[in-house]
Amino acid sequence: MQITLAVDDNREQSSAAISLLKALDFEGPILTDVVSVIEMIGRADVAIGVGAFLDNAVGSPFVSLQKKLADEALEWASQELTRGHFTPVSHVLYGNAARSILHHVTKTLSELLVLGSEHKSPLDGFVTGSVGRKTIIHSPISVLLARTSDKPLHTLKVVLATDHSAYANDCLELLRKFSPRGFDQLVVTTVLPAQVSAMASSTFTKEDAAASYKRGLYEANGALIGKMKDLCGSCFSRVEEGDVCEVLSRVMLEEKADMLVLGAQGHGFADRLLIGSVSLKMAAIEPKSVFILRRPIAEFD
């Protein structure tokens, strides 16, 4: 398995990412590119050395300091990873942080991008921007956003959200391929959007429509649990009705979950503004870690 782990001088966030990786306990061996980005103006696919900036009296001290911090972050992260079944290789990247990281994962054919991420309000995330938000929008591969935890992570309580679409099913097959062995409890959760129930009620009675939909979703969840038993022996199902993001947030709280897992089909930024994105919203509002599965192009075609 090939992973890219992005770190910086925020030791708390980087530590959260490494702790979550260890708790997930993916089946090894795991090749891990550990990257740290020195922000520069320029294209992410153009190699820019520190020496190119040494003639700039203003830029040189800044670049030198950033390089020192990046080297320290990479050395610390590599030492932490070698205590697990990871084989870390360090890389210093130059350019815009999100573009540089995404260029790297594309070039190296990484299967998963991991980074620590602060929990921000949706407004903060939209106005100020964040590397996490940009990678979710543009990443061609799965993204694991690790939040800091108030308890040591040894095994994980996980909420697995699915709408049982073909794409979501493919993403769950990808999760099985990753083979995490650190799931202590898995709550397979499907949300019946209120508007779907309302549309069905125009033909049937509200009670009949809701009951029929929920029976079908419980059956689908049950079939999925049968497939996921090899990842976690303790699996159960929840079918809820309401706004998808509000329900998932509530379920995460009620289950005292450590991580939310969901599939996300990539769209352009304009599409996401127009049609919305459950994964993007949950990454912004969820205080716990979020694992966004993205099916590689043609992976299951």
Foldseek 3Di string as FASTA:
>chain_A
DEEEEEDFLPVQQSVLQLLVVVLLAFDDQYEYEYEYEDADADALPDDDDLVVCCVPPVVNVVSVVRVVRRVVGLVVSCVSPVVDNYDYDYDYGYHDVLRNVLVVCVVVVGAEYETEDAAAAPVCCVPVPDSVLVCVQDHLHKYKYGFRDPDRRNAFAEEEEDQPDPQFVLLVVVVVVRQGQRHAAYEYEYEAEPVNLVVVCVPPPSVVSVVVVVVVVQVVLVVVCVVCCVNYVHYDYDYYYYDPLVVVLVVCVVSVGQEYETEFEHDHPVVCVVVNGSLSNCSRHPNHMYIYGHDRPPNPD
